[in-house]
PDB file of N, CA and C in Angstrom:
ATOM      1  N   MET A   1     -18.234  29.198 -24.819  1.00  0.00           N
ATOM      2  CA  MET A   1     -18.962  28.660 -23.895  1.00  0.00           C
ATOM      3  C   MET A   1     -19.384  27.049 -24.420  1.00  0.00           C
ATOM      4  N   LYS A   2     -18.859  25.977 -24.057  1.00  0.00           N
ATOM      5  CA  LYS A   2     -19.375  24.747 -25.223  1.00  0.00           C
ATOM      6  C   LYS A   2     -19.839  24.226 -23.663  1.00  0.00           C
ATOM      7  N   ARG A   3     -20.687  23.614 -23.743  1.00  0.00           N
ATOM      8  CA  ARG A   3     -21.442  22.455 -22.637  1.00  0.00           C
ATOM      9  C   ARG A   3     -22.221  21.327 -22.946  1.00  0.00           C
ATOM     10  N   GLY A   4     -21.633  19.827 -22.380  1.00  0.00           N
ATOM     11  CA  GLY A   4     -22.017  18.964 -22.141  1.00  0.00           C
ATOM     12  C   GLY A   4     -22.308  18.259 -21.139  1.00  0.00           C
ATOM     13  N   PHE A   5     -22.518  16.779 -22.203  1.00  0.00           N
ATOM     14  CA  PHE A   5     -22.073  15.615 -21.052  1.00  0.00           C
ATOM     15  C   PHE A   5     -21.610  14.312 -21.121  1.00  0.00           C
ATOM     16  N   CYS A   6     -20.235  13.971 -20.404  1.00  0.00           N
ATOM     17  CA  CYS A   6     -19.843  12.706 -20.503  1.00  0.00           C
ATOM     18  C   CYS A   6     -20.866  11.345 -21.428  1.00  0.00           C
ATOM     19  N   HIS A   7     -20.705  11.034 -22.744  1.00  0.00           N
ATOM     20  CA  HIS A   7     -21.239   9.372 -22.792  1.00  0.00           C
ATOM     21  C   HIS A   7     -20.961   8.629 -22.075  1.00  0.00           C
ATOM     22  N   HIS A   8     -19.946   8.473 -21.377  1.00  0.00           N
ATOM     23  CA  HIS A   8     -19.708   7.325 -20.459  1.00  0.00           C
ATOM     24  C   HIS A   8     -20.441   7.480 -19.183  1.00  0.00           C
ATOM     25  N   CYS A   9     -20.112   8.439 -17.966  1.00  0.00           N
ATOM     26  CA  CYS A   9     -20.117   8.654 -16.869  1.00  0.00           C
ATOM     27  C   CYS A   9     -21.010   9.674 -16.658  1.00  0.00           C
ATOM     28  N   GLY A  10     -21.715  10.484 -17.612  1.00  0.00           N
ATOM     29  CA  GLY A  10     -22.988  11.392 -17.473  1.00  0.00           C
ATOM     30  C   GLY A  10     -22.590  12.608 -16.459  1.00  0.00           C
ATOM     31  N   GLU A  11     -21.459  12.620 -16.435  1.00  0.00           N
ATOM     32  CA  GLU A  11     -20.955  14.179 -15.980  1.00  0.00           C
ATOM     33  C   GLU A  11     -20.668  15.485 -16.656  1.00  0.00           C
ATOM     34  N   PRO A  12     -20.739  16.572 -15.971  1.00  0.00           N
ATOM     35  CA  PRO A  12     -21.228  17.860 -17.008  1.00  0.00           C
ATOM     36  C   PRO A  12     -19.570  17.786 -17.573  1.00  0.00           C
ATOM     37  N   LEU A  13     -19.874  18.853 -18.753  1.00  0.00           N
ATOM     38  CA  LEU A  13     -18.318  18.853 -19.486  1.00  0.00           C
ATOM     39  C   LEU A  13     -18.536  20.531 -19.926  1.00  0.00           C
ATOM     40  N   GLU A  14     -17.254  21.524 -19.859  1.00  0.00           N
ATOM     41  CA  GLU A  14     -17.433  22.458 -20.446  1.00  0.00           C
ATOM     42  C   GLU A  14     -16.259  22.571 -20.665  1.00  0.00           C
ATOM     43  N   PHE A  15     -16.294  23.266 -21.684  1.00  0.00           N
ATOM     44  CA  PHE A  15     -15.095  23.446 -22.714  1.00  0.00           C
ATOM     45  C   PHE A  15     -15.337  25.423 -23.160  1.00  0.00           C
ATOM     46  N   THR A  16     -14.367  26.681 -23.033  1.00  0.00           N
ATOM     47  CA  THR A  16     -13.863  28.002 -23.222  1.00  0.00           C
ATOM     48  C   THR A  16     -14.237  27.626 -24.920  1.00  0.00           C
ATOM     49  N   GLU A  17     -13.576  26.690 -25.320  1.00  0.00           N
ATOM     50  CA  GLU A  17     -13.391  26.765 -26.737  1.00  0.00           C
ATOM     51  C   GLU A  17     -13.938  25.649 -27.426  1.00  0.00           C
ATOM     52  N   LYS A  18     -13.068  25.467 -28.614  1.00  0.00           N
ATOM     53  CA  LYS A  18     -13.570  24.030 -28.708  1.00  0.00           C
ATOM     54  C   LYS A  18     -13.662  23.388 -28.266  1.00  0.00           C
ATOM     55  N   VAL A  19     -13.951  21.854 -29.102  1.00  0.00           N
ATOM     56  CA  VAL A  19     -13.383  20.736 -28.103  1.00  0.00           C
ATOM     57  C   VAL A  19     -12.162  19.713 -28.504  1.00  0.00           C
ATOM     58  N   PHE A  20     -11.399  19.346 -28.836  1.00  0.00           N
ATOM     59  CA  PHE A  20      -9.830  19.748 -29.589  1.00  0.00           C
ATOM     60  C   PHE A  20      -9.723  17.885 -29.367  1.00  0.00           C
ATOM     61  N   ARG A  21      -9.492  17.191 -30.550  1.00  0.00           N
ATOM     62  CA  ARG A  21      -9.013  16.030 -30.532  1.00  0.00           C
ATOM     63  C   ARG A  21      -8.780  15.234 -29.042  1.00  0.00           C
ATOM     64  N   ASN A  22      -8.107  15.709 -28.117  1.00  0.00           N
ATOM     65  CA  ASN A  22      -7.588  15.192 -27.698  1.00  0.00           C
ATOM     66  C   ASN A  22      -8.156  15.376 -26.054  1.00  0.00           C
ATOM     67  N   ASP A  23      -9.238  15.836 -26.041  1.00  0.00           N
ATOM     68  CA  ASP A  23      -9.639  15.991 -24.769  1.00  0.00           C
ATOM     69  C   ASP A  23     -10.278  14.608 -24.149  1.00  0.00           C
ATOM     70  N   THR A  24      -9.895  14.651 -22.573  1.00  0.00           N
ATOM     71  CA  THR A  24     -10.608  13.892 -22.071  1.00  0.00           C
ATOM     72  C   THR A  24     -11.920  14.257 -21.347  1.00  0.00           C
ATOM     73  N   CYS A  25     -12.645  13.415 -20.238  1.00  0.00           N
ATOM     74  CA  CYS A  25     -13.810  13.446 -19.314  1.00  0.00           C
ATOM     75  C   CYS A  25     -12.596  13.748 -17.881  1.00  0.00           C
ATOM     76  N   ALA A  26     -13.021  14.575 -17.655  1.00  0.00           N
ATOM     77  CA  ALA A  26     -12.234  15.215 -16.259  1.00  0.00           C
ATOM     78  C   ALA A  26     -12.614  14.249 -14.588  1.00  0.00           C
ATOM     79  N   ASN A  27     -13.452  13.261 -14.862  1.00  0.00           N
ATOM     80  CA  ASN A  27     -13.962  12.746 -13.771  1.00  0.00           C
ATOM     81  C   ASN A  27     -13.616  11.406 -14.587  1.00  0.00           C
ATOM     82  N   CYS A  28     -13.439  10.921 -15.709  1.00  0.00           N
ATOM     83  CA  CYS A  28     -13.561   8.998 -16.135  1.00  0.00           C
ATOM     84  C   CYS A  28     -12.149   9.025 -17.194  1.00  0.00           C
ATOM     85  N   GLY A  29     -11.975   9.822 -17.953  1.00  0.00           N
ATOM     86  CA  GLY A  29     -10.616  10.179 -18.606  1.00  0.00           C
ATOM     87  C   GLY A  29     -11.236   9.563 -20.064  1.00  0.00           C
ATOM     88  N   SER A  30     -12.290   8.826 -20.718  1.00  0.00           N
ATOM     89  CA  SER A  30     -13.030   8.857 -21.373  1.00  0.00           C
ATOM     90  C   SER A  30     -13.122  10.238 -22.219  1.00  0.00           C
ATOM     91  N   ASP A  31     -12.840   9.414 -23.693  1.00  0.00           N
ATOM     92  CA  ASP A  31     -12.582  11.001 -25.661  1.00  0.00           C
ATOM     93  C   ASP A  31     -13.492  11.775 -25.468  1.00  0.00           C
ATOM     94  N   VAL A  32     -13.527  12.267 -25.276  1.00  0.00           N
ATOM     95  CA  VAL A  32     -15.108  13.997 -25.823  1.00  0.00           C
ATOM     96  C   VAL A  32     -15.288  13.881 -26.580  1.00  0.00           C
ATOM     97  N   HIS A  33     -13.762  14.139 -27.521  1.00  0.00           N
ATOM     98  CA  HIS A  33     -14.194  14.121 -29.060  1.00  0.00           C
ATOM     99  C   HIS A  33     -14.498  13.251 -30.236  1.00  0.00           C
ATOM    100  N   CYS A  34     -16.087  12.593 -30.115  1.00  0.00           N
ATOM    101  CA  CYS A  34     -16.262  11.141 -30.557  1.00  0.00           C
ATOM    102  C   CYS A  34     -17.692  11.319 -30.626  1.00  0.00           C
ATOM    103  N   CYS A  35     -18.043  10.613 -31.710  1.00  0.00           N
ATOM    104  CA  CYS A  35     -19.331  10.287 -31.787  1.00  0.00           C
ATOM    105  C   CYS A  35     -20.583  10.247 -31.274  1.00  0.00           C
ATOM    106  N   LEU A  36     -20.616   9.931 -29.717  1.00  0.00           N
ATOM    107  CA  LEU A  36     -21.908   9.746 -28.889  1.00  0.00           C
ATOM    108  C   LEU A  36     -21.532  11.133 -28.194  1.00  0.00           C
ATOM    109  N   ASN A  37     -20.417  11.507 -28.056  1.00  0.00           N
ATOM    110  CA  ASN A  37     -21.200  12.922 -27.529  1.00  0.00           C
ATOM    111  C   ASN A  37     -21.606  14.765 -28.290  1.00  0.00           C
ATOM    112  N   CYS A  38     -21.691  14.121 -29.809  1.00  0.00           N
ATOM    113  CA  CYS A  38     -21.632  15.042 -31.073  1.00  0.00           C
ATOM    114  C   CYS A  38     -23.155  14.944 -31.076  1.00  0.00           C
ATOM    115  N   SER A  39     -23.681  16.499 -31.342  1.00  0.00           N
ATOM    116  CA  SER A  39     -25.128  16.626 -31.437  1.00  0.00           C
ATOM    117  C   SER A  39     -25.426  16.416 -33.313  1.00  0.00           C
ATOM    118  N   GLU A  40     -24.379  15.667 -33.531  1.00  0.00           N
ATOM    119  CA  GLU A  40     -24.867  14.964 -34.896  1.00  0.00           C
ATOM    120  C   GLU A  40     -25.277  13.507 -35.157  1.00  0.00           C
ATOM    121  N   TYR A  41     -24.227  13.253 -34.024  1.00  0.00           N
ATOM    122  CA  TYR A  41     -25.008  11.351 -33.578  1.00  0.00           C
ATOM    123  C   TYR A  41     -26.444  11.201 -33.210  1.00  0.00           C
ATOM    124  N   ASP A  42     -26.945   9.872 -34.085  1.00  0.00           N
ATOM    125  CA  ASP A  42     -28.231   9.444 -34.317  1.00  0.00           C
ATOM    126  C   ASP A  42     -28.231   8.054 -34.876  1.00  0.00           C
ATOM    127  N   ASP A  43     -28.310   7.748 -34.365  1.00  0.00           N
ATOM    128  CA  ASP A  43     -28.736   6.294 -34.350  1.00  0.00           C
ATOM    129  C   ASP A  43     -29.541   5.676 -35.623  1.00  0.00           C
ATOM    130  N   ARG A  44     -30.808   6.299 -35.726  1.00  0.00           N
ATOM    131  CA  ARG A  44     -32.028   6.250 -37.197  1.00  0.00           C
ATOM    132  C   ARG A  44     -30.932   6.368 -38.132  1.00  0.00           C
ATOM    133  N   PHE A  45     -30.282   7.510 -38.350  1.00  0.00           N
ATOM    134  CA  PHE A  45     -29.811   7.113 -39.520  1.00  0.00           C
ATOM    135  C   PHE A  45     -28.298   6.520 -40.058  1.00  0.00           C
ATOM    136  N   SER A  46     -28.532   6.516 -41.373  1.00  0.00           N
ATOM    137  CA  SER A  46     -27.138   5.873 -41.910  1.00  0.00           C
ATOM    138  C   SER A  46     -25.709   6.528 -41.589  1.00  0.00           C
ATOM    139  N   ASN A  47     -24.946   5.334 -41.328  1.00  0.00           N
ATOM    140  CA  ASN A  47     -23.183   5.628 -40.797  1.00  0.00           C
ATOM    141  C   ASN A  47     -24.131   6.238 -38.755  1.00  0.00           C
ATOM    142  N   HIS A  48     -25.356   6.298 -38.412  1.00  0.00           N
ATOM    143  CA  HIS A  48     -25.705   6.829 -37.042  1.00  0.00           C
ATOM    144  C   HIS A  48     -24.941   8.139 -36.897  1.00  0.00           C
ATOM    145  N   CYS A  49     -24.795   9.153 -38.641  1.00  0.00           N
ATOM    146  CA  CYS A  49     -24.878  10.740 -37.941  1.00  0.00           C
ATOM    147  C   CYS A  49     -25.782  11.576 -38.917  1.00  0.00           C
ATOM    148  N   LYS A  50     -26.462  12.592 -38.493  1.00  0.00           N
ATOM    149  CA  LYS A  50     -27.304  13.263 -39.004  1.00  0.00           C
ATOM    150  C   LYS A  50     -26.810  13.746 -40.295  1.00  0.00           C
ATOM    151  N   GLU A  51     -25.429  13.937 -40.680  1.00  0.00           N
ATOM    152  CA  GLU A  51     -24.426  15.021 -41.341  1.00  0.00           C
ATOM    153  C   GLU A  51     -24.240  13.744 -42.313  1.00  0.00           C
ATOM    154  N   PRO A  52     -24.758  14.246 -43.421  1.00  0.00           N
ATOM    155  CA  PRO A  52     -24.785  13.366 -44.458  1.00  0.00           C
ATOM    156  C   PRO A  52     -23.540  12.996 -45.517  1.00  0.00           C
ATOM    157  N   GLN A  53     -22.658  13.965 -45.536  1.00  0.00           N
ATOM    158  CA  GLN A  53     -21.065  14.100 -45.858  1.00  0.00           C
ATOM    159  C   GLN A  53     -19.681  13.653 -44.846  1.00  0.00           C
ATOM    160  N   SER A  54     -20.698  13.513 -43.869  1.00  0.00           N
ATOM    161  CA  SER A  54     -19.569  12.225 -42.743  1.00  0.00           C
ATOM    162  C   SER A  54     -19.263  11.739 -43.209  1.00  0.00           C
ATOM    163  N   GLU A  55     -17.442  11.336 -42.569  1.00  0.00           N
ATOM    164  CA  GLU A  55     -17.298  10.360 -42.732  1.00  0.00           C
ATOM    165  C   GLU A  55     -17.247   9.022 -42.267  1.00  0.00           C
ATOM    166  N   LYS A  56     -17.041   7.292 -42.646  1.00  0.00           N
ATOM    167  CA  LYS A  56     -18.097   6.823 -41.403  1.00  0.00           C
ATOM    168  C   LYS A  56     -16.930   6.802 -40.553  1.00  0.00           C
ATOM    169  N   VAL A  57     -17.098   6.678 -38.884  1.00  0.00           N
ATOM    170  CA  VAL A  57     -16.854   5.928 -38.519  1.00  0.00           C
ATOM    171  C   VAL A  57     -17.354   4.882 -37.372  1.00  0.00           C
ATOM    172  N   SER A  58     -16.533   3.909 -37.276  1.00  0.00           N
ATOM    173  CA  SER A  58     -16.552   2.405 -36.631  1.00  0.00           C
ATOM    174  C   SER A  58     -16.834   2.512 -35.490  1.00  0.00           C
ATOM    175  N   VAL A  59     -15.373   3.362 -34.876  1.00  0.00           N
ATOM    176  CA  VAL A  59     -15.778   2.906 -33.179  1.00  0.00           C
ATOM    177  C   VAL A  59     -16.484   4.458 -32.587  1.00  0.00           C
ATOM    178  N   LYS A  60     -17.919   4.414 -32.068  1.00  0.00           N
ATOM    179  CA  LYS A  60     -18.214   5.923 -31.827  1.00  0.00           C
ATOM    180  C   LYS A  60     -17.533   6.074 -30.479  1.00  0.00           C
ATOM    181  N   ASP A  61     -17.534   5.526 -29.750  1.00  0.00           N
ATOM    182  CA  ASP A  61     -16.913   5.361 -28.494  1.00  0.00           C
ATOM    183  C   ASP A  61     -15.292   6.457 -28.323  1.00  0.00           C
ATOM    184  N   ARG A  62     -14.574   6.250 -29.591  1.00  0.00           N
ATOM    185  CA  ARG A  62     -13.480   6.675 -29.300  1.00  0.00           C
ATOM    186  C   ARG A  62     -13.009   8.013 -29.803  1.00  0.00           C
ATOM    187  N   ARG A  63     -12.122   9.082 -29.578  1.00  0.00           N
ATOM    188  CA  ARG A  63     -11.762   9.784 -30.625  1.00  0.00           C
ATOM    189  C   ARG A  63     -11.751   9.915 -32.523  1.00  0.00           C
ATOM    190  N   ASN A  64     -11.762  11.042 -32.352  1.00  0.00           N
ATOM    191  CA  ASN A  64     -11.414  10.598 -34.199  1.00  0.00           C
ATOM    192  C   ASN A  64     -11.707  12.764 -34.897  1.00  0.00           C
ATOM    193  N   PHE A  65     -11.668  12.164 -36.203  1.00  0.00           N
ATOM    194  CA  PHE A  65     -10.807  13.486 -36.832  1.00  0.00           C
ATOM    195  C   PHE A  65     -12.471  13.703 -37.081  1.00  0.00           C
ATOM    196  N   CYS A  66     -13.395  13.977 -37.200  1.00  0.00           N
ATOM    197  CA  CYS A  66     -14.182  14.511 -37.741  1.00  0.00           C
ATOM    198  C   CYS A  66     -14.480  15.733 -37.684  1.00  0.00           C
ATOM    199  N   ASP A  67     -14.841  16.473 -39.002  1.00  0.00           N
ATOM    200  CA  ASP A  67     -14.465  18.243 -38.851  1.00  0.00           C
ATOM    201  C   ASP A  67     -16.196  18.521 -38.753  1.00  0.00           C
ATOM    202  N   TYR A  68     -17.095  18.002 -38.764  1.00  0.00           N
ATOM    203  CA  TYR A  68     -18.337  17.824 -37.702  1.00  0.00           C
ATOM    204  C   TYR A  68     -18.476  17.862 -36.998  1.00  0.00           C
ATOM    205  N   PHE A  69     -17.991  17.608 -36.059  1.00  0.00           N
ATOM    206  CA  PHE A  69     -18.121  17.020 -34.464  1.00  0.00           C
ATOM    207  C   PHE A  69     -18.369  18.262 -33.911  1.00  0.00           C
ATOM    208  N   GLU A  70     -19.826  18.800 -33.297  1.00  0.00           N
ATOM    209  CA  GLU A  70     -20.501  19.591 -32.474  1.00  0.00           C
ATOM    210  C   GLU A  70     -20.591  18.478 -30.889  1.00  0.00           C
ATOM    211  N   LEU A  71     -19.928  19.389 -29.989  1.00  0.00           N
ATOM    212  CA  LEU A  71     -20.644  18.970 -28.702  1.00  0.00           C
ATOM    213  C   LEU A  71     -22.056  19.192 -28.173  1.00  0.00           C
ATOM    214  N   SER A  72     -22.622  17.962 -27.501  1.00  0.00           N
ATOM    215  CA  SER A  72     -24.379  17.924 -27.645  1.00  0.00           C
ATOM    216  C   SER A  72     -24.298  18.398 -26.531  1.00  0.00           C
ATOM    217  N   PRO A  73     -25.465  19.157 -26.296  1.00  0.00           N
ATOM    218  CA  PRO A  73     -25.645  19.979 -25.073  1.00  0.00           C
ATOM    219  C   PRO A  73     -26.225  18.992 -23.816  1.00  0.00           C
ATOM    220  N   GLU A  74     -27.349  17.977 -24.812  1.00  0.00           N
ATOM    221  CA  GLU A  74     -27.725  16.661 -24.056  1.00  0.00           C
ATOM    222  C   GLU A  74     -26.972  15.986 -23.695  1.00  0.00           C
ATOM    223  N   LYS A  75     -27.576  15.431 -22.189  1.00  0.00           N
ATOM    224  CA  LYS A  75     -27.031  14.133 -21.469  1.00  0.00           C
ATOM    225  C   LYS A  75     -27.709  13.133 -22.772  1.00  0.00           C
ATOM    226  N   VAL A  76     -26.585  11.927 -22.580  1.00  0.00           N
ATOM    227  CA  VAL A  76     -26.449  10.640 -23.963  1.00  0.00           C
ATOM    228  C   VAL A  76     -27.356   9.550 -22.728  1.00  0.00           C
ATOM    229  N   THR A  77     -28.998   8.874 -23.231  1.00  0.00           N
ATOM    230  CA  THR A  77     -29.384   8.117 -22.036  1.00  0.00           C
ATOM    231  C   THR A  77     -28.502   6.994 -22.258  1.00  0.00           C
ATOM    232  N   GLY A  78     -28.909   6.634 -23.635  1.00  0.00           N
ATOM    233  CA  GLY A  78     -28.648   4.903 -24.371  1.00  0.00           C
ATOM    234  C   GLY A  78     -27.861   5.369 -25.585  1.00  0.00           C
ATOM    235  N   THR A  79     -26.698   4.361 -25.670  1.00  0.00           N
ATOM    236  CA  THR A  79     -25.808   4.220 -26.650  1.00  0.00           C
ATOM    237  C   THR A  79     -26.244   3.622 -27.174  1.00  0.00           C
ATOM    238  N   ALA A  80     -25.232   2.802 -28.495  1.00  0.00           N
ATOM    239  CA  ALA A  80     -25.694   2.477 -29.957  1.00  0.00           C
ATOM    240  C   ALA A  80     -25.325   0.681 -29.276  1.00  0.00           C
ATOM    241  N   ARG A  81     -24.365   0.496 -28.356  1.00  0.00           N
ATOM    242  CA  ARG A  81     -24.214  -0.322 -27.694  1.00  0.00           C
ATOM    243  C   ARG A  81     -24.975  -0.890 -26.724  1.00  0.00           C
ATOM    244  N   ASN A  82     -25.393   0.179 -25.453  1.00  0.00           N
ATOM    245  CA  ASN A  82     -26.659  -0.457 -24.820  1.00  0.00           C
ATOM    246  C   ASN A  82     -27.939  -1.370 -25.390  1.00  0.00           C
ATOM    247  N   LYS A  83     -27.994  -0.278 -26.750  1.00  0.00           N
ATOM    248  CA  LYS A  83     -29.186  -1.136 -27.752  1.00  0.00           C
ATOM    249  C   LYS A  83     -28.656  -2.626 -28.616  1.00  0.00           C
ATOM    250  N   ALA A  84     -27.549  -2.578 -28.895  1.00  0.00           N
ATOM    251  CA  ALA A  84     -27.250  -4.429 -29.051  1.00  0.00           C
ATOM    252  C   ALA A  84     -27.417  -5.095 -28.081  1.00  0.00           C
ATOM    253  N   ALA A  85     -26.537  -4.917 -26.957  1.00  0.00           N
ATOM    254  CA  ALA A  85     -27.107  -5.493 -26.108  1.00  0.00           C
ATOM    255  C   ALA A  85     -28.442  -6.154 -25.929  1.00  0.00           C
ATOM    256  N   GLU A  86     -29.559  -5.518 -26.049  1.00  0.00           N
ATOM    257  CA  GLU A  86     -30.664  -5.708 -25.501  1.00  0.00           C
ATOM    258  C   GLU A  86     -31.605  -5.639 -26.673  1.00  0.00           C
ATOM    259  N   ALA A  87     -30.973  -5.503 -27.548  1.00  0.00           N
ATOM    260  CA  ALA A  87     -31.681  -6.332 -29.054  1.00  0.00           C
ATOM    261  C   ALA A  87     -31.070  -7.693 -29.127  1.00  0.00           C
ATOM    262  N   LYS A  88     -30.108  -8.305 -28.784  1.00  0.00           N
ATOM    263  CA  LYS A  88     -29.769  -9.636 -28.622  1.00  0.00           C
ATOM    264  C   LYS A  88     -29.845 -10.299 -27.621  1.00  0.00           C
ATOM    265  N   ARG A  89     -30.323  -9.520 -26.061  1.00  0.00           N
ATOM    266  CA  ARG A  89     -31.202 -10.772 -25.249  1.00  0.00           C
ATOM    267  C   ARG A  89     -32.245 -10.697 -25.776  1.00  0.00           C
ATOM    268  N   LYS A  90     -32.819  -9.805 -26.642  1.00  0.00           N
ATOM    269  CA  LYS A  90     -34.454 -10.151 -26.741  1.00  0.00           C
ATOM    270  C   LYS A  90     -34.398 -11.591 -27.825  1.00  0.00           C
ATOM    271  N   LEU A  91     -33.414 -11.075 -28.732  1.00  0.00           N
ATOM    272  CA  LEU A  91     -33.492 -12.603 -29.406  1.00  0.00           C
ATOM    273  C   LEU A  91     -33.062 -13.660 -28.895  1.00  0.00           C
ATOM    274  N   GLU A  92     -32.277 -14.292 -27.502  1.00  0.00           N
ATOM    275  CA  GLU A  92     -32.697 -14.734 -27.039  1.00  0.00           C
ATOM    276  C   GLU A  92     -32.792 -15.632 -25.873  1.00  0.00           C
ATOM    277  N   ALA A  93     -34.383 -14.369 -25.936  1.00  0.00           N
ATOM    278  CA  ALA A  93     -35.209 -14.726 -25.433  1.00  0.00           C
ATOM    279  C   ALA A  93     -36.591 -15.551 -25.765  1.00  0.00           C
ATOM    280  N   LEU A  94     -36.079 -14.744 -27.328  1.00  0.00           N
ATOM    281  CA  LEU A  94     -37.236 -15.007 -27.964  1.00  0.00           C
ATOM    282  C   LEU A  94     -37.529 -16.374 -28.311  1.00  0.00           C
ATOM    283  N   PHE A  95     -35.925 -16.988 -28.629  1.00  0.00           N
ATOM    284  CA  PHE A  95     -35.937 -18.244 -29.919  1.00  0.00           C
ATOM    285  C   PHE A  95     -35.086 -19.393 -28.981  1.00  0.00           C
ATOM    286  N   ARG A  96     -35.498 -19.174 -27.204  1.00  0.00           N
ATOM    287  CA  ARG A  96     -34.704 -19.835 -26.389  1.00  0.00           C
ATOM    288  C   ARG A  96     -36.147 -21.190 -26.170  1.00  0.00           C
ATOM    289  N   LYS A  97     -35.706 -22.828 -25.955  1.00  0.00           N
ATOM    290  CA  LYS A  97     -36.527 -23.703 -25.809  1.00  0.00           C
ATOM    291  C   LYS A  97     -37.255 -23.900 -24.016  1.00  0.00           C
TER     292      LYS A  97
END
């Protein structure tokens, strides 16, 4: 049994077998087989992935063909999008006249 949480709405996810590329969240319809739901995802690493052999995926919240995908059992607390927005806000505040 694979268990995790949706990166978009935070609802619990349960799969009896592996997560397939076309699987979506029953609550919000977001793609499940994506970087933001993967246990290998970490924005501190190059390519935002702990797996060094993975191919680059430019859109982290959409389904992809990555062979290293493993559903993360942890809830996603902050996405790359949120961090980018926070960084932009801080820069604007810093250079505000």
